[in-house]
Amino acid sequence: MQSKKLHIRKGDNVMVITGESKGQQGKVLVLDSKGRAIVEGVNMVSKHQKPNAENPKGGIIQKEAPINLSNLKVIDGAGNPTRIGRRLDEKTNKSVRYSKKSGEVIK
């Protein structure tokens, strides 16, 4: 079974458009199968951690929590949040993502 094509990929620069972290920007680190993404430096939560080999003292750590993909917009080359479209590239005959705002191809 083939997975659904998403408008966001790992490594994209995105902006949060709604919620507590509205307006923050970051890079997508992880996508999961539930339609959520972990974005670098966005949606930070405090987690109580027991002592372990990596962190012998334990304590409270700050880490990124997943955020729903519907709350994210991709940032195009000009630095503007934009919707994503797909079109066929004439040269390679493959589907590419492009910015609906500026029309440029997003890599």
N, C-alpha and C. Protein backbone atom coordinates (compact mmCIF):
# COMPACT_ATOMS: atom_id res chain seq x y z
N MET A 1 0.84 -1.19 0.00
CA MET A 1 0.00 0.00 0.00
C MET A 1 0.88 1.25 0.00
N GLN A 2 0.59 2.15 -0.91
CA GLN A 2 1.38 3.36 -1.04
C GLN A 2 0.85 4.44 -0.11
N SER A 3 1.77 5.16 0.55
CA SER A 3 1.34 6.20 1.47
C SER A 3 0.94 7.45 0.69
N LYS A 4 0.10 8.26 1.32
CA LYS A 4 -0.39 9.49 0.71
C LYS A 4 0.74 10.51 0.59
N LYS A 5 0.78 11.23 -0.54
CA LYS A 5 1.79 12.27 -0.71
C LYS A 5 1.42 13.47 0.14
N LEU A 6 2.38 13.96 0.90
CA LEU A 6 2.15 15.08 1.80
C LEU A 6 2.72 16.36 1.21
N HIS A 7 2.22 17.51 1.68
CA HIS A 7 2.74 18.79 1.21
C HIS A 7 4.03 19.17 1.92
N ILE A 8 4.37 18.44 2.98
CA ILE A 8 5.57 18.73 3.75
C ILE A 8 6.48 17.51 3.75
N ARG A 9 7.78 17.73 3.64
CA ARG A 9 8.77 16.66 3.67
C ARG A 9 9.78 16.93 4.77
N LYS A 10 10.49 15.89 5.15
CA LYS A 10 11.57 16.03 6.13
C LYS A 10 12.62 16.97 5.54
N GLY A 11 13.07 17.94 6.34
CA GLY A 11 14.07 18.89 5.88
C GLY A 11 13.50 20.21 5.39
N ASP A 12 12.18 20.30 5.19
CA ASP A 12 11.56 21.55 4.75
C ASP A 12 11.60 22.60 5.85
N ASN A 13 11.70 23.86 5.45
CA ASN A 13 11.53 24.96 6.39
C ASN A 13 10.06 25.30 6.42
N VAL A 14 9.48 25.34 7.62
CA VAL A 14 8.05 25.56 7.76
C VAL A 14 7.76 26.65 8.78
N MET A 15 6.53 27.18 8.72
CA MET A 15 6.05 28.16 9.68
C MET A 15 4.77 27.63 10.30
N VAL A 16 4.62 27.83 11.62
CA VAL A 16 3.41 27.43 12.31
C VAL A 16 2.37 28.52 12.08
N ILE A 17 1.18 28.13 11.61
CA ILE A 17 0.16 29.12 11.26
C ILE A 17 -0.92 29.27 12.31
N THR A 18 -0.99 28.36 13.28
CA THR A 18 -2.00 28.47 14.33
C THR A 18 -1.54 27.76 15.58
N GLY A 19 -2.14 28.11 16.70
CA GLY A 19 -1.80 27.46 17.96
C GLY A 19 -0.87 28.31 18.80
N GLU A 20 -0.37 27.71 19.87
CA GLU A 20 0.47 28.42 20.83
C GLU A 20 1.78 28.89 20.22
N SER A 21 2.32 28.14 19.26
CA SER A 21 3.60 28.47 18.62
C SER A 21 3.43 29.25 17.33
N LYS A 22 2.29 29.91 17.14
CA LYS A 22 2.00 30.62 15.89
C LYS A 22 3.10 31.61 15.53
N GLY A 23 3.52 31.58 14.26
CA GLY A 23 4.53 32.51 13.76
C GLY A 23 5.95 31.98 13.85
N GLN A 24 6.18 30.92 14.61
CA GLN A 24 7.54 30.39 14.74
C GLN A 24 7.90 29.58 13.50
N GLN A 25 9.20 29.61 13.17
CA GLN A 25 9.70 28.89 12.01
C GLN A 25 10.74 27.88 12.43
N GLY A 26 10.88 26.83 11.65
CA GLY A 26 11.89 25.82 11.93
C GLY A 26 11.97 24.79 10.82
N LYS A 27 12.87 23.86 10.99
CA LYS A 27 13.12 22.81 10.01
C LYS A 27 12.45 21.52 10.48
N VAL A 28 11.79 20.80 9.57
CA VAL A 28 11.11 19.55 9.92
C VAL A 28 12.17 18.48 10.16
N LEU A 29 12.15 17.89 11.38
CA LEU A 29 13.11 16.85 11.74
C LEU A 29 12.55 15.46 11.48
N VAL A 30 11.28 15.24 11.84
CA VAL A 30 10.68 13.90 11.76
C VAL A 30 9.23 14.03 11.32
N LEU A 31 8.78 13.14 10.43
CA LEU A 31 7.37 12.99 10.09
C LEU A 31 6.92 11.63 10.59
N ASP A 32 5.71 11.56 11.17
CA ASP A 32 5.22 10.25 11.60
C ASP A 32 3.99 9.85 10.79
N SER A 33 3.50 8.64 11.01
CA SER A 33 2.40 8.10 10.22
C SER A 33 1.05 8.67 10.62
N LYS A 34 0.98 9.43 11.69
CA LYS A 34 -0.28 9.97 12.17
C LYS A 34 -0.53 11.39 11.68
N GLY A 35 0.26 11.87 10.73
CA GLY A 35 0.07 13.21 10.20
C GLY A 35 0.61 14.30 11.10
N ARG A 36 1.70 14.01 11.81
CA ARG A 36 2.30 14.98 12.70
C ARG A 36 3.78 15.11 12.35
N ALA A 37 4.38 16.22 12.74
CA ALA A 37 5.79 16.46 12.47
C ALA A 37 6.44 17.06 13.71
N ILE A 38 7.72 16.78 13.87
CA ILE A 38 8.51 17.43 14.91
C ILE A 38 9.35 18.49 14.21
N VAL A 39 9.19 19.74 14.65
CA VAL A 39 9.87 20.87 14.03
C VAL A 39 10.89 21.42 15.02
N GLU A 40 12.09 21.69 14.51
CA GLU A 40 13.21 22.13 15.34
C GLU A 40 12.88 23.44 16.06
N GLY A 41 12.91 23.41 17.40
CA GLY A 41 12.72 24.60 18.22
C GLY A 41 11.29 25.09 18.35
N VAL A 42 10.31 24.31 17.89
CA VAL A 42 8.91 24.72 17.91
C VAL A 42 8.10 23.75 18.77
N ASN A 43 7.09 24.26 19.48
CA ASN A 43 6.20 23.45 20.32
C ASN A 43 6.99 22.74 21.41
N MET A 44 7.79 23.51 22.14
CA MET A 44 8.64 22.95 23.20
C MET A 44 7.79 22.59 24.43
N VAL A 45 8.09 21.43 25.02
CA VAL A 45 7.40 20.98 26.23
C VAL A 45 8.45 20.59 27.27
N SER A 46 8.05 20.66 28.54
CA SER A 46 8.93 20.23 29.63
C SER A 46 8.66 18.77 29.92
N LYS A 47 9.71 17.97 30.01
CA LYS A 47 9.56 16.54 30.28
C LYS A 47 10.40 16.19 31.49
N HIS A 48 9.78 15.52 32.46
CA HIS A 48 10.51 15.05 33.63
C HIS A 48 11.20 13.75 33.26
N GLN A 49 12.53 13.70 33.41
CA GLN A 49 13.29 12.54 32.98
C GLN A 49 14.03 11.92 34.15
N LYS A 50 13.90 10.59 34.26
CA LYS A 50 14.63 9.86 35.29
C LYS A 50 16.11 9.81 34.92
N PRO A 51 16.98 9.65 35.88
CA PRO A 51 18.41 9.52 35.56
C PRO A 51 18.66 8.29 34.69
N ASN A 52 19.55 8.47 33.71
CA ASN A 52 19.95 7.35 32.84
C ASN A 52 21.41 7.54 32.45
N ALA A 53 21.91 6.70 31.57
CA ALA A 53 23.32 6.75 31.20
C ALA A 53 23.68 8.07 30.51
N GLU A 54 22.78 8.59 29.66
CA GLU A 54 23.06 9.84 28.96
C GLU A 54 22.95 11.05 29.88
N ASN A 55 22.00 11.00 30.80
CA ASN A 55 21.74 12.12 31.69
C ASN A 55 21.72 11.60 33.14
N PRO A 56 22.90 11.48 33.78
CA PRO A 56 22.97 10.85 35.09
C PRO A 56 22.19 11.57 36.20
N LYS A 57 22.01 12.89 36.07
CA LYS A 57 21.29 13.63 37.09
C LYS A 57 19.78 13.57 36.90
N GLY A 58 19.31 13.36 35.66
CA GLY A 58 17.88 13.41 35.40
C GLY A 58 17.40 14.84 35.43
N GLY A 59 16.15 15.07 35.81
CA GLY A 59 15.62 16.42 35.93
C GLY A 59 14.61 16.75 34.85
N ILE A 60 14.38 18.03 34.66
CA ILE A 60 13.40 18.51 33.69
C ILE A 60 14.15 18.95 32.44
N ILE A 61 13.75 18.38 31.29
CA ILE A 61 14.38 18.75 30.03
C ILE A 61 13.33 19.38 29.12
N GLN A 62 13.79 20.20 28.19
CA GLN A 62 12.93 20.80 27.18
C GLN A 62 13.10 20.01 25.90
N LYS A 63 11.99 19.62 25.26
CA LYS A 63 12.09 18.92 23.98
C LYS A 63 10.92 19.30 23.09
N GLU A 64 11.08 19.06 21.78
CA GLU A 64 10.03 19.38 20.83
C GLU A 64 8.94 18.32 20.88
N ALA A 65 7.69 18.75 20.82
CA ALA A 65 6.56 17.84 20.74
C ALA A 65 6.03 17.86 19.31
N PRO A 66 5.38 16.78 18.87
CA PRO A 66 4.83 16.76 17.51
C PRO A 66 3.74 17.81 17.33
N ILE A 67 3.62 18.30 16.10
CA ILE A 67 2.59 19.29 15.76
C ILE A 67 1.90 18.80 14.49
N ASN A 68 0.60 19.00 14.39
CA ASN A 68 -0.17 18.50 13.26
C ASN A 68 0.25 19.20 11.96
N LEU A 69 0.30 18.43 10.85
CA LEU A 69 0.73 18.98 9.57
C LEU A 69 -0.21 20.08 9.06
N SER A 70 -1.48 20.04 9.48
CA SER A 70 -2.43 21.06 9.03
C SER A 70 -2.12 22.42 9.64
N ASN A 71 -1.28 22.46 10.67
CA ASN A 71 -0.91 23.72 11.32
C ASN A 71 0.40 24.28 10.78
N LEU A 72 0.94 23.68 9.72
CA LEU A 72 2.23 24.10 9.16
C LEU A 72 2.08 24.52 7.71
N LYS A 73 2.87 25.53 7.32
CA LYS A 73 2.97 25.94 5.92
C LYS A 73 4.44 25.95 5.53
N VAL A 74 4.73 25.51 4.32
CA VAL A 74 6.10 25.50 3.81
C VAL A 74 6.52 26.93 3.48
N ILE A 75 7.79 27.23 3.74
CA ILE A 75 8.34 28.54 3.41
C ILE A 75 9.09 28.43 2.08
N ASP A 76 8.74 29.31 1.13
CA ASP A 76 9.40 29.26 -0.19
C ASP A 76 10.75 29.97 -0.15
N GLY A 77 11.41 30.06 -1.28
CA GLY A 77 12.75 30.65 -1.36
C GLY A 77 12.81 32.11 -0.94
N ALA A 78 11.70 32.83 -1.08
CA ALA A 78 11.66 34.25 -0.72
C ALA A 78 11.38 34.45 0.77
N GLY A 79 11.13 33.36 1.50
CA GLY A 79 10.88 33.46 2.93
C GLY A 79 9.43 33.67 3.30
N ASN A 80 8.52 33.44 2.35
CA ASN A 80 7.09 33.61 2.61
C ASN A 80 6.41 32.26 2.81
N PRO A 81 5.47 32.17 3.76
CA PRO A 81 4.71 30.93 3.89
C PRO A 81 3.77 30.79 2.70
N THR A 82 3.66 29.59 2.15
CA THR A 82 2.89 29.40 0.93
C THR A 82 2.20 28.05 0.91
N ARG A 83 1.15 27.95 0.12
CA ARG A 83 0.55 26.65 -0.13
C ARG A 83 1.38 25.94 -1.19
N ILE A 84 1.23 24.62 -1.25
CA ILE A 84 2.03 23.81 -2.17
C ILE A 84 1.14 23.21 -3.24
N GLY A 85 1.62 23.25 -4.47
CA GLY A 85 0.94 22.57 -5.58
C GLY A 85 1.90 21.57 -6.20
N ARG A 86 1.36 20.73 -7.07
CA ARG A 86 2.20 19.77 -7.79
C ARG A 86 1.95 19.94 -9.28
N ARG A 87 3.03 19.86 -10.04
CA ARG A 87 2.91 19.91 -11.50
C ARG A 87 4.00 19.05 -12.11
N LEU A 88 3.84 18.74 -13.38
CA LEU A 88 4.79 17.89 -14.08
C LEU A 88 5.94 18.76 -14.61
N ASP A 89 7.16 18.37 -14.30
CA ASP A 89 8.34 19.08 -14.80
C ASP A 89 8.56 18.69 -16.25
N GLU A 90 8.72 19.69 -17.14
CA GLU A 90 8.87 19.41 -18.57
C GLU A 90 10.15 18.65 -18.88
N LYS A 91 11.24 19.01 -18.20
CA LYS A 91 12.55 18.41 -18.50
C LYS A 91 12.64 16.95 -18.05
N THR A 92 12.26 16.70 -16.79
CA THR A 92 12.45 15.36 -16.23
C THR A 92 11.20 14.50 -16.29
N ASN A 93 10.05 15.09 -16.64
CA ASN A 93 8.79 14.35 -16.71
C ASN A 93 8.39 13.76 -15.36
N LYS A 94 8.78 14.45 -14.27
CA LYS A 94 8.43 14.01 -12.92
C LYS A 94 7.60 15.08 -12.24
N SER A 95 6.83 14.67 -11.24
CA SER A 95 6.02 15.60 -10.47
C SER A 95 6.92 16.37 -9.51
N VAL A 96 6.76 17.70 -9.49
CA VAL A 96 7.54 18.54 -8.58
C VAL A 96 6.59 19.40 -7.76
N ARG A 97 7.03 19.80 -6.58
CA ARG A 97 6.25 20.70 -5.73
C ARG A 97 6.61 22.14 -6.10
N TYR A 98 5.60 23.01 -6.11
CA TYR A 98 5.87 24.42 -6.39
C TYR A 98 5.06 25.31 -5.45
N SER A 99 5.53 26.52 -5.27
CA SER A 99 4.88 27.50 -4.42
C SER A 99 3.71 28.11 -5.17
N LYS A 100 2.53 28.07 -4.56
CA LYS A 100 1.35 28.66 -5.21
C LYS A 100 1.43 30.19 -5.18
N LYS A 101 2.22 30.75 -4.27
CA LYS A 101 2.32 32.20 -4.16
C LYS A 101 3.26 32.77 -5.21
N SER A 102 4.46 32.18 -5.35
CA SER A 102 5.45 32.73 -6.27
C SER A 102 5.61 31.90 -7.54
N GLY A 103 5.17 30.66 -7.55
CA GLY A 103 5.27 29.81 -8.73
C GLY A 103 6.61 29.09 -8.85
N GLU A 104 7.55 29.33 -7.94
CA GLU A 104 8.86 28.69 -8.04
C GLU A 104 8.83 27.25 -7.50
N VAL A 105 9.70 26.42 -8.03
CA VAL A 105 9.79 25.02 -7.61
C VAL A 105 10.45 24.94 -6.25
N ILE A 106 9.88 24.10 -5.37
CA ILE A 106 10.43 23.89 -4.04
C ILE A 106 11.17 22.58 -4.02
N LYS A 107 12.43 22.61 -3.60
CA LYS A 107 13.25 21.41 -3.60
C LYS A 107 13.10 20.66 -2.32
